[in-house]
Amino acid sequence: MARPRKPLLSRERIIETAGALVDAEGLSAVSTRRLAAELGVSGPSLYNHFRTKDEILEAVADAVSARVDLSMFAEGDGRDWRTALHDWAVSYRAALADHPRLVPVLAVGPGRRPAGLRVADAVFGAMVRAGWPPAQATHIGALMRYFITGSALGSFARGFVDDATAYDPADYPHLGQAHLLAERQRQVDEGAFETGLRALLDGLSLQYERYASAPASAPAPTTAGTTLRPAPKRP
């Protein structure tokens, strides 16, 4: 039997092609008609794998989540909770920074996406094992997602043009070097992320010490199936 001229259509090919379109042109570029044309197939054939365009975008987002390193949360890994959060955050941001136009989909939350749910499960489980109250572990997972997705949505450095005349000292006396930021984008943006991440983890470490030193009390049930402890008193 002769081989088909083009590779058979598969979920993987659709996801890869849709991801490339998002990276190159943005979320609005993805449509079933455009994907069919890019893949050299008829439009209806896509429905054998995905029911809607939104399902395709969800699958693309999940493929990005699957690239996030979760090894630091494995039992027996040896890293403390702070180091694990740091290393995971760096890996997560790197995955998102490679696909900034997809971040709005990822920022909504994991929904039913398997890889996204594994990320949420790993973070929550690791924080609870480390001694965080379940409700606070949930807050930490949410906080980290806000911070990481926000940092990947855009570039602070690229927000400035590389024209020194754009920043007249008479109007902007402190922006004399702002035109240099664009050419140093990676250094500036990664440095800002590390600065914010360290500050965030420093704050969480202080909270952790307070939880560890707080007297034990009976847990109160919540509708989410987690438990809450009384907030520690500020010194």
Protein backbone atom coordinates (compact mmCIF):
# COMPACT_ATOMS: atom_id res chain seq x y z
CA MET A 1 0.00 0.00 0.00
CA ALA A 2 1.39 3.40 -0.97
CA ARG A 3 2.07 5.80 1.84
CA PRO A 4 -0.15 8.89 2.07
CA ARG A 5 1.46 12.02 0.65
CA LYS A 6 0.92 13.88 3.91
CA PRO A 7 1.20 12.58 7.47
CA LEU A 8 -2.08 11.38 8.92
CA LEU A 9 -3.92 13.95 10.98
CA SER A 10 -3.47 13.53 14.73
CA ARG A 11 -4.12 15.45 17.92
CA GLU A 12 -0.39 16.06 18.22
CA ARG A 13 -0.16 17.63 14.74
CA ILE A 14 -3.16 19.85 15.41
CA ILE A 15 -1.77 20.99 18.76
CA GLU A 16 1.68 21.67 17.32
CA THR A 17 0.28 23.65 14.38
CA ALA A 18 -2.11 25.64 16.56
CA GLY A 19 0.69 26.44 19.00
CA ALA A 20 2.91 27.69 16.20
CA LEU A 21 0.08 29.94 14.96
CA VAL A 22 -0.46 31.40 18.43
CA ASP A 23 3.26 32.04 18.86
CA ALA A 24 3.54 33.72 15.47
CA GLU A 25 0.29 35.67 15.22
CA GLY A 26 -1.64 35.46 18.49
CA LEU A 27 -4.77 33.72 19.73
CA SER A 28 -7.02 35.40 17.16
CA ALA A 29 -5.14 33.65 14.33
CA VAL A 30 -6.45 30.25 15.38
CA SER A 31 -9.61 29.07 13.67
CA THR A 32 -10.68 25.69 12.41
CA ARG A 33 -10.58 26.99 8.84
CA ARG A 34 -7.05 28.37 9.23
CA LEU A 35 -5.82 25.21 10.95
CA ALA A 36 -7.30 23.01 8.26
CA ALA A 37 -5.52 25.06 5.61
CA GLU A 38 -2.21 24.91 7.48
CA LEU A 39 -2.55 21.15 7.92
CA GLY A 40 -3.72 20.55 4.34
CA VAL A 41 -6.95 18.84 5.38
CA SER A 42 -10.64 19.55 5.20
CA GLY A 43 -12.20 21.49 8.06
CA PRO A 44 -14.55 18.73 9.23
CA SER A 45 -11.64 16.33 9.72
CA LEU A 46 -10.51 18.41 12.71
CA TYR A 47 -13.73 17.50 14.52
CA ASN A 48 -12.61 13.90 14.71
CA HIS A 49 -10.10 15.12 17.32
CA PHE A 50 -11.52 18.36 18.78
CA ARG A 51 -15.09 19.62 18.98
CA THR A 52 -14.28 23.34 19.10
CA LYS A 53 -11.50 25.87 18.66
CA ASP A 54 -11.51 26.43 22.42
CA GLU A 55 -10.76 22.75 22.98
CA ILE A 56 -7.76 23.09 20.67
CA LEU A 57 -6.44 26.10 22.58
CA GLU A 58 -6.95 24.27 25.87
CA ALA A 59 -4.88 21.39 24.52
CA VAL A 60 -2.13 23.77 23.38
CA ALA A 61 -2.09 25.35 26.84
CA ASP A 62 -1.90 21.94 28.46
CA ALA A 63 1.05 21.00 26.27
CA VAL A 64 2.90 24.02 27.67
CA SER A 65 1.98 23.07 31.25
CA ALA A 66 3.36 19.59 30.61
CA ARG A 67 6.81 21.12 30.09
CA VAL A 68 6.95 22.53 33.62
CA ASP A 69 9.39 20.67 35.88
CA LEU A 70 7.66 19.13 38.90
CA SER A 71 10.51 16.93 40.12
CA MET A 72 11.22 19.22 43.07
CA PHE A 73 7.84 18.33 44.59
CA ALA A 74 8.38 14.58 44.51
CA GLU A 75 8.54 12.92 47.90
CA GLY A 76 12.16 12.19 48.72
CA ASP A 77 13.54 14.90 46.43
CA GLY A 78 15.18 16.58 49.43
CA ARG A 79 14.50 20.23 48.65
CA ASP A 80 12.74 22.27 51.32
CA TRP A 81 9.44 23.90 50.43
CA ARG A 82 10.99 27.31 49.75
CA THR A 83 13.66 25.96 47.40
CA ALA A 84 11.09 23.76 45.69
CA LEU A 85 8.76 26.71 45.10
CA HIS A 86 11.62 28.79 43.75
CA ASP A 87 12.85 26.13 41.33
CA TRP A 88 9.33 25.35 40.15
CA ALA A 89 8.54 29.04 39.63
CA VAL A 90 11.63 29.48 37.48
CA SER A 91 10.68 26.45 35.37
CA TYR A 92 7.06 27.57 35.08
CA ARG A 93 7.98 31.09 34.01
CA ALA A 94 10.47 29.78 31.45
CA ALA A 95 7.74 27.63 29.87
CA LEU A 96 5.33 30.57 29.74
CA ALA A 97 7.95 33.06 28.56
CA ASP A 98 8.52 30.88 25.50
CA HIS A 99 4.83 31.29 24.60
CA PRO A 100 3.74 34.73 25.88
CA ARG A 101 0.74 34.98 23.56
CA LEU A 102 -0.72 31.86 25.13
CA VAL A 103 -0.47 33.17 28.69
CA PRO A 104 -4.05 34.58 28.74
CA VAL A 105 -5.38 31.03 28.29
CA LEU A 106 -3.09 29.62 30.96
CA ALA A 107 -3.91 32.46 33.35
CA VAL A 108 -7.56 31.40 33.53
CA GLY A 109 -6.62 28.26 35.45
CA PRO A 110 -6.26 24.54 34.76
CA GLY A 111 -9.95 23.73 34.36
CA ARG A 112 -9.95 20.12 33.17
CA ARG A 113 -6.49 20.17 31.60
CA PRO A 114 -4.58 17.10 32.88
CA ALA A 115 -1.08 18.62 32.92
CA GLY A 116 -2.36 21.84 34.48
CA LEU A 117 -4.13 19.86 37.18
CA ARG A 118 -0.96 17.89 37.88
CA VAL A 119 0.86 21.18 38.45
CA ALA A 120 -1.80 22.40 40.90
CA ASP A 121 -1.89 19.04 42.66
CA ALA A 122 1.90 18.88 43.03
CA VAL A 123 2.18 22.38 44.49
CA PHE A 124 -0.70 21.93 46.93
CA GLY A 125 0.45 18.49 48.05
CA ALA A 126 4.01 19.63 48.62
CA MET A 127 2.95 22.63 50.69
CA VAL A 128 0.67 20.53 52.89
CA ARG A 129 3.41 17.95 53.43
CA ALA A 130 5.73 20.78 54.41
CA GLY A 131 3.35 21.78 57.20
CA TRP A 132 1.28 24.57 55.67
CA PRO A 133 -2.42 24.52 56.60
CA PRO A 134 -4.43 23.31 53.59
CA ALA A 135 -6.25 26.61 53.13
CA GLN A 136 -2.96 28.51 53.16
CA ALA A 137 -1.45 25.99 50.74
CA THR A 138 -4.31 26.85 48.37
CA HIS A 139 -3.54 30.55 48.76
CA ILE A 140 0.13 29.93 48.01
CA GLY A 141 -0.71 28.05 44.82
CA ALA A 142 -2.97 30.88 43.69
CA LEU A 143 -0.44 33.55 44.65
CA MET A 144 2.34 31.85 42.73
CA ARG A 145 0.18 31.48 39.64
CA TYR A 146 -0.77 35.17 39.76
CA PHE A 147 2.86 36.20 40.07
CA ILE A 148 4.26 33.85 37.43
CA THR A 149 1.60 34.39 34.77
CA GLY A 150 1.70 38.14 35.36
CA SER A 151 5.45 38.22 34.86
CA ALA A 152 5.13 36.29 31.59
CA LEU A 153 2.36 38.44 30.08
CA GLY A 154 4.74 41.08 28.82
CA SER A 155 8.17 42.62 29.04
CA PHE A 156 8.90 45.65 31.20
CA ALA A 157 12.10 46.31 29.27
CA ARG A 158 10.38 46.24 25.87
CA GLY A 159 8.01 48.91 27.09
CA PHE A 160 10.73 51.49 26.43
CA VAL A 161 12.00 52.50 22.99
CA ASP A 162 15.71 52.48 22.16
CA ASP A 163 15.67 56.16 21.16
CA ALA A 164 17.48 58.34 23.69
CA THR A 165 15.65 61.44 22.43
CA ALA A 166 12.32 60.00 23.54
CA TYR A 167 13.11 60.72 27.17
CA ASP A 168 13.81 64.41 27.50
CA PRO A 169 15.50 65.08 30.88
CA ALA A 170 13.32 68.15 31.25
CA ASP A 171 10.25 65.92 31.32
CA TYR A 172 11.72 62.67 32.67
CA PRO A 173 14.77 63.49 34.79
CA HIS A 174 15.21 59.91 35.97
CA LEU A 175 14.87 58.10 32.64
CA GLY A 176 18.18 59.06 31.10
CA GLN A 177 19.14 55.41 30.61
CA ALA A 178 15.69 54.07 29.78
CA HIS A 179 16.51 53.76 26.09
CA LEU A 180 19.04 51.04 26.99
CA LEU A 181 16.45 48.76 28.60
CA ALA A 182 15.14 47.25 25.36
CA GLU A 183 18.52 45.84 24.35
CA ARG A 184 18.92 44.38 27.83
CA GLN A 185 15.47 42.85 27.92
CA ARG A 186 16.36 39.38 29.17
CA GLN A 187 18.67 40.66 31.90
CA VAL A 188 16.12 43.21 33.10
CA ASP A 189 13.05 40.98 32.98
CA GLU A 190 14.69 37.93 34.54
CA GLY A 191 16.31 40.11 37.19
CA ALA A 192 12.95 41.65 38.03
CA PHE A 193 11.37 38.20 38.27
CA GLU A 194 14.08 36.93 40.62
CA THR A 195 13.81 40.05 42.77
CA GLY A 196 10.07 39.66 43.10
CA LEU A 197 10.29 35.91 43.66
CA ARG A 198 12.82 36.31 46.48
CA ALA A 199 10.67 38.99 48.11
CA LEU A 200 7.59 36.79 47.84
CA LEU A 201 9.39 33.78 49.32
CA ASP A 202 10.87 35.91 52.11
CA GLY A 203 7.35 36.96 53.06
CA LEU A 204 6.06 33.40 52.96
CA SER A 205 8.99 32.26 55.11
CA LEU A 206 7.97 34.76 57.79
CA GLN A 207 4.40 33.46 57.67
CA TYR A 208 5.66 29.88 57.87
CA GLU A 209 7.61 30.66 61.03
CA ARG A 210 4.46 32.09 62.60
CA TYR A 211 2.43 29.02 61.73
CA ALA A 212 5.15 26.77 63.09
CA SER A 213 5.30 28.67 66.39
CA ALA A 214 1.52 29.11 66.81
CA PRO A 215 -0.13 26.90 69.46
CA ALA A 216 -2.01 23.93 68.08
CA SER A 217 -5.77 24.33 67.86
CA ALA A 218 -8.69 22.27 66.66
CA PRO A 219 -9.08 22.58 62.88
CA ALA A 220 -12.27 24.07 61.55
CA PRO A 221 -13.88 22.33 58.56
CA THR A 222 -14.58 24.28 55.39
CA THR A 223 -16.85 23.63 52.45
CA ALA A 224 -13.80 22.91 50.31
CA GLY A 225 -12.77 19.99 52.49
CA THR A 226 -9.72 21.79 53.83
CA THR A 227 -9.00 22.98 57.33
CA LEU A 228 -8.27 26.39 58.68
CA ARG A 229 -6.24 27.51 61.64
CA PRO A 230 -6.68 30.79 63.44
CA ALA A 231 -4.51 33.49 61.89
CA PRO A 232 -1.37 34.01 63.97
CA LYS A 233 -1.23 37.25 65.91
CA ARG A 234 1.16 39.86 64.63
CA PRO A 235 4.05 40.59 66.99
